[in-house]
Amino acid sequence: MTEGAEKRPARVVVADDQTVVREGIVMLLGLLPGIEVVGAAGDGEEAVKLVAELAPDVVLMDLRMPRCDGVEATRRIRAEYPGTQVVVLTTFADDESLFPALRAGARGYLTKDAGGDEIVRAVESVLSGDAGLSPSIQRRLLERLSEPEPQPTVAVEPPDGLTARETEVLLLIADGLSNQEIGRRLHVSTATVKTHINNLFAKTGLKDRAQAVRYAYAKGLVRPPAG
């Protein structure tokens, strides 16, 4: 800032509920060129307050935090303080974290094993109007965009009190997909798929996947192939 041509450092707030992790990130950022840490928050609520007070250029945002999680904090920051960009820096790289954060307005998404140069690139990218996504996250986005959409549910009222999502899972079982494949198709975890399957089995009295396939055909949710 001594010369007009010199680019000022990006002013950054770090938000992470784990003290050791937060202090470690702050220490790392202090060693990186072009970055000035101006504040650190222990949860999403505090992060929003710091943005209001300090007007940083970027918030490095953890997702799993008490009081106000990173997705909600990102949504509030982008709505109320659009001059501040958000880069998610999280341990988790699963779709259930990634896509809600991007929908909330995050422009970057890195995992905590990212190196210093990767963090600098992400900060510079979001400040220049680009997305600051690690290569693995970019691949995941491309994979999702290239995936076929889940087959639409047949226009039949779901039987036995099944929800729309349970019916969707049932159709994918009838289509021969494994739990992992269903999770990838619906962008949820395998544990979530198992929960949906347990619920639909409990509601219908089904015991296994073979019975589920027969049930889907019997209820007219799936039609036999022509010919």
Protein backbone atom coordinates (compact mmCIF):
# COMPACT_ATOMS: atom_id res chain seq x y z
CA MET A 1 0.00 0.00 0.00
CA THR A 2 3.02 2.26 -0.14
CA GLU A 3 2.77 2.46 -3.91
CA GLY A 4 -0.33 2.71 -6.04
CA ALA A 5 0.79 -0.15 -8.26
CA GLU A 6 1.29 -2.53 -5.36
CA LYS A 7 -1.62 -4.88 -4.84
CA ARG A 8 -2.93 -4.82 -1.29
CA PRO A 9 -3.21 -8.16 0.50
CA ALA A 10 -6.56 -9.90 0.62
CA ARG A 11 -8.20 -9.34 4.00
CA VAL A 12 -9.36 -12.71 5.33
CA VAL A 13 -11.49 -13.95 8.25
CA VAL A 14 -11.10 -17.58 9.36
CA ALA A 15 -14.15 -19.42 10.78
CA ASP A 16 -13.63 -22.80 12.47
CA ASP A 17 -15.04 -24.11 15.75
CA GLN A 18 -11.92 -26.13 16.68
CA THR A 19 -9.45 -23.82 18.39
CA VAL A 20 -6.34 -25.77 17.43
CA VAL A 21 -7.40 -26.03 13.80
CA ARG A 22 -8.43 -22.38 13.65
CA GLU A 23 -5.15 -21.18 15.13
CA GLY A 24 -3.21 -23.46 12.79
CA ILE A 25 -4.99 -22.05 9.74
CA VAL A 26 -4.38 -18.48 10.95
CA MET A 27 -0.69 -19.27 11.45
CA LEU A 28 -0.41 -20.82 7.97
CA LEU A 29 -2.18 -17.88 6.33
CA GLY A 30 0.18 -15.49 8.10
CA LEU A 31 3.03 -17.05 6.15
CA LEU A 32 1.34 -16.80 2.76
CA PRO A 33 1.95 -13.93 0.36
CA GLY A 34 -0.95 -11.66 -0.47
CA ILE A 35 -3.10 -12.60 2.54
CA GLU A 36 -3.76 -10.65 5.75
CA VAL A 37 -5.81 -12.35 8.48
CA VAL A 38 -8.02 -9.71 10.09
CA GLY A 39 -10.17 -11.91 12.33
CA ALA A 40 -11.03 -15.43 13.49
CA ALA A 41 -14.44 -16.81 14.47
CA GLY A 42 -15.42 -19.88 16.47
CA ASP A 43 -18.81 -20.41 14.81
CA GLY A 44 -21.00 -19.16 11.99
CA GLU A 45 -22.78 -16.57 14.13
CA GLU A 46 -19.47 -15.00 15.09
CA ALA A 47 -18.29 -15.14 11.47
CA VAL A 48 -21.31 -13.09 10.32
CA LYS A 49 -20.65 -10.52 13.07
CA LEU A 50 -16.98 -10.22 12.09
CA VAL A 51 -17.91 -9.69 8.45
CA ALA A 52 -20.27 -6.89 9.52
CA GLU A 53 -17.52 -5.27 11.61
CA LEU A 54 -14.45 -5.83 9.43
CA ALA A 55 -15.77 -6.09 5.85
CA PRO A 56 -13.12 -8.66 4.84
CA ASP A 57 -12.56 -9.65 1.24
CA VAL A 58 -12.88 -13.38 1.94
CA VAL A 59 -14.06 -15.71 4.70
CA LEU A 60 -12.45 -19.14 4.91
CA MET A 61 -15.45 -21.06 6.25
CA ASP A 62 -15.66 -24.39 8.01
CA LEU A 63 -19.02 -26.13 7.54
CA ARG A 64 -19.67 -28.15 10.70
CA MET A 65 -19.97 -25.53 13.46
CA PRO A 66 -22.33 -24.97 16.41
CA ARG A 67 -25.02 -22.27 16.71
CA CYS A 68 -24.89 -21.37 13.01
CA ASP A 69 -23.28 -23.81 10.58
CA GLY A 70 -21.11 -22.80 7.66
CA VAL A 71 -23.83 -23.16 5.03
CA GLU A 72 -26.25 -20.86 6.87
CA ALA A 73 -23.44 -18.38 7.67
CA THR A 74 -22.45 -18.36 4.00
CA ARG A 75 -26.05 -17.70 2.95
CA ARG A 76 -26.34 -14.78 5.38
CA ILE A 77 -22.99 -13.27 4.45
CA ARG A 78 -23.67 -13.42 0.71
CA ALA A 79 -27.15 -11.94 1.18
CA GLU A 80 -26.18 -9.17 3.62
CA TYR A 81 -22.55 -8.44 2.69
CA PRO A 82 -22.12 -9.28 -1.02
CA GLY A 83 -18.70 -7.62 -1.09
CA THR A 84 -17.31 -10.53 0.95
CA GLN A 85 -16.63 -13.82 -0.82
CA VAL A 86 -16.71 -17.20 0.91
CA VAL A 87 -14.29 -20.07 0.40
CA VAL A 88 -15.24 -23.27 2.21
CA LEU A 89 -12.29 -24.95 3.93
CA THR A 90 -13.54 -28.19 5.43
CA THR A 91 -12.53 -31.71 6.38
CA PHE A 92 -15.46 -33.10 4.42
CA ALA A 93 -15.68 -33.32 0.64
CA ASP A 94 -18.96 -35.23 0.36
CA ASP A 95 -21.78 -34.11 -1.91
CA GLU A 96 -24.08 -33.43 1.05
CA SER A 97 -21.66 -30.69 2.15
CA LEU A 98 -20.44 -29.47 -1.22
CA PHE A 99 -23.62 -28.65 -3.08
CA PRO A 100 -25.53 -26.90 -0.25
CA ALA A 101 -22.46 -24.70 0.34
CA LEU A 102 -22.23 -23.76 -3.33
CA ARG A 103 -25.96 -23.10 -3.50
CA ALA A 104 -25.63 -20.85 -0.44
CA GLY A 105 -23.16 -18.69 -2.37
CA ALA A 106 -19.69 -20.07 -1.63
CA ARG A 107 -17.36 -19.33 -4.55
CA GLY A 108 -14.60 -21.68 -3.46
CA TYR A 109 -14.38 -25.10 -1.83
CA LEU A 110 -11.19 -26.66 -0.48
CA THR A 111 -10.47 -29.51 1.90
CA LYS A 112 -8.22 -28.89 4.90
CA ASP A 113 -5.39 -30.90 3.36
CA ALA A 114 -5.00 -28.14 0.75
CA GLY A 115 -1.54 -26.61 0.59
CA GLY A 116 -0.80 -22.94 1.09
CA ASP A 117 -0.40 -22.29 -2.64
CA GLU A 118 -3.83 -23.87 -3.25
CA ILE A 119 -5.41 -21.57 -0.66
CA VAL A 120 -3.76 -18.50 -2.20
CA ARG A 121 -4.99 -19.51 -5.67
CA ALA A 122 -8.53 -20.02 -4.37
CA VAL A 123 -8.58 -16.61 -2.64
CA GLU A 124 -7.20 -14.88 -5.73
CA SER A 125 -9.68 -16.70 -7.96
CA VAL A 126 -12.78 -15.72 -6.01
CA LEU A 127 -11.61 -12.11 -5.76
CA SER A 128 -11.16 -11.97 -9.53
CA GLY A 129 -14.67 -13.34 -10.08
CA ASP A 130 -13.71 -16.96 -10.78
CA ALA A 131 -14.48 -20.09 -8.79
CA GLY A 132 -11.82 -21.29 -6.35
CA LEU A 133 -12.34 -25.03 -6.52
CA SER A 134 -9.75 -27.74 -6.00
CA PRO A 135 -9.25 -30.15 -8.95
CA SER A 136 -11.05 -32.96 -7.09
CA ILE A 137 -14.08 -30.73 -6.45
CA GLN A 138 -14.12 -29.63 -10.10
CA ARG A 139 -14.16 -33.30 -11.13
CA ARG A 140 -17.06 -33.99 -8.79
CA LEU A 141 -19.05 -31.11 -10.25
CA LEU A 142 -18.40 -32.32 -13.79
CA GLU A 143 -19.35 -35.87 -12.83
CA ARG A 144 -22.60 -34.64 -11.35
CA LEU A 145 -23.43 -32.59 -14.42
CA SER A 146 -22.71 -35.55 -16.68
CA GLU A 147 -24.81 -38.00 -14.68
CA PRO A 148 -28.26 -38.87 -16.02
CA GLU A 149 -31.06 -37.39 -13.97
CA PRO A 150 -32.89 -39.87 -11.73
CA GLN A 151 -35.82 -41.41 -13.55
CA PRO A 152 -38.96 -39.43 -12.81
CA THR A 153 -41.42 -41.14 -10.58
CA VAL A 154 -44.35 -42.64 -12.46
CA ALA A 155 -47.43 -40.47 -11.98
CA VAL A 156 -48.94 -42.88 -9.43
CA GLU A 157 -49.73 -41.97 -5.84
CA PRO A 158 -46.99 -43.52 -3.67
CA PRO A 159 -48.49 -46.57 -1.93
CA ASP A 160 -48.41 -47.46 1.77
CA GLY A 161 -47.51 -43.96 2.91
CA LEU A 162 -44.13 -43.90 1.14
CA THR A 163 -42.56 -40.49 0.72
CA ALA A 164 -41.47 -39.24 -2.70
CA ARG A 165 -37.81 -39.91 -1.84
CA GLU A 166 -38.57 -43.44 -0.55
CA THR A 167 -40.47 -44.13 -3.77
CA GLU A 168 -37.51 -42.80 -5.77
CA VAL A 169 -35.16 -45.14 -3.88
CA LEU A 170 -37.56 -48.04 -4.52
CA LEU A 171 -37.52 -47.32 -8.28
CA LEU A 172 -33.72 -47.31 -8.29
CA ILE A 173 -33.66 -50.63 -6.42
CA ALA A 174 -36.02 -51.99 -9.09
CA ASP A 175 -33.57 -50.66 -11.67
CA GLY A 176 -30.87 -52.86 -10.13
CA LEU A 177 -28.73 -50.17 -8.48
CA SER A 178 -26.68 -50.88 -5.36
CA ASN A 179 -26.86 -48.65 -2.27
CA GLN A 180 -23.66 -46.90 -3.30
CA GLU A 181 -24.95 -46.33 -6.83
CA ILE A 182 -28.24 -44.98 -5.48
CA GLY A 183 -26.30 -42.63 -3.20
CA ARG A 184 -24.26 -41.30 -6.13
CA ARG A 185 -27.37 -40.92 -8.30
CA LEU A 186 -29.28 -39.00 -5.61
CA HIS A 187 -26.18 -37.23 -4.23
CA VAL A 188 -26.66 -38.53 -0.69
CA SER A 189 -24.56 -40.74 1.56
CA THR A 190 -24.89 -44.54 1.61
CA ALA A 191 -26.08 -44.25 5.23
CA THR A 192 -28.94 -42.00 4.07
CA VAL A 193 -29.88 -44.53 1.37
CA LYS A 194 -29.96 -47.31 4.00
CA THR A 195 -32.25 -45.18 6.16
CA HIS A 196 -34.68 -44.67 3.26
CA ILE A 197 -34.61 -48.41 2.48
CA ASN A 198 -35.26 -49.35 6.13
CA ASN A 199 -38.20 -46.92 6.21
CA LEU A 200 -39.77 -48.20 3.00
CA PHE A 201 -39.27 -51.83 4.08
CA ALA A 202 -40.95 -51.07 7.42
CA LYS A 203 -43.91 -49.34 5.76
CA THR A 204 -44.46 -52.05 3.13
CA GLY A 205 -43.52 -55.15 5.12
CA LEU A 206 -40.86 -56.06 2.56
CA LYS A 207 -37.94 -58.25 3.63
CA ASP A 208 -35.38 -57.92 0.84
CA ARG A 209 -34.55 -56.25 -2.48
CA ALA A 210 -36.12 -59.03 -4.55
CA GLN A 211 -39.44 -58.45 -2.81
CA ALA A 212 -38.98 -54.70 -3.36
CA VAL A 213 -38.62 -55.22 -7.11
CA ARG A 214 -41.77 -57.38 -7.26
CA TYR A 215 -43.61 -54.81 -5.13
CA ALA A 216 -42.63 -51.94 -7.45
CA TYR A 217 -44.03 -53.84 -10.46
CA ALA A 218 -47.16 -54.97 -8.60
CA LYS A 219 -47.98 -51.41 -7.56
CA GLY A 220 -47.54 -50.10 -11.11
CA LEU A 221 -44.56 -47.95 -10.16
CA VAL A 222 -42.46 -49.72 -12.79
CA ARG A 223 -43.74 -51.05 -16.07
CA PRO A 224 -42.33 -54.23 -17.68
CA PRO A 225 -40.22 -53.52 -20.76
CA ALA A 226 -42.21 -53.59 -24.01
CA GLY A 227 -41.89 -56.63 -26.24
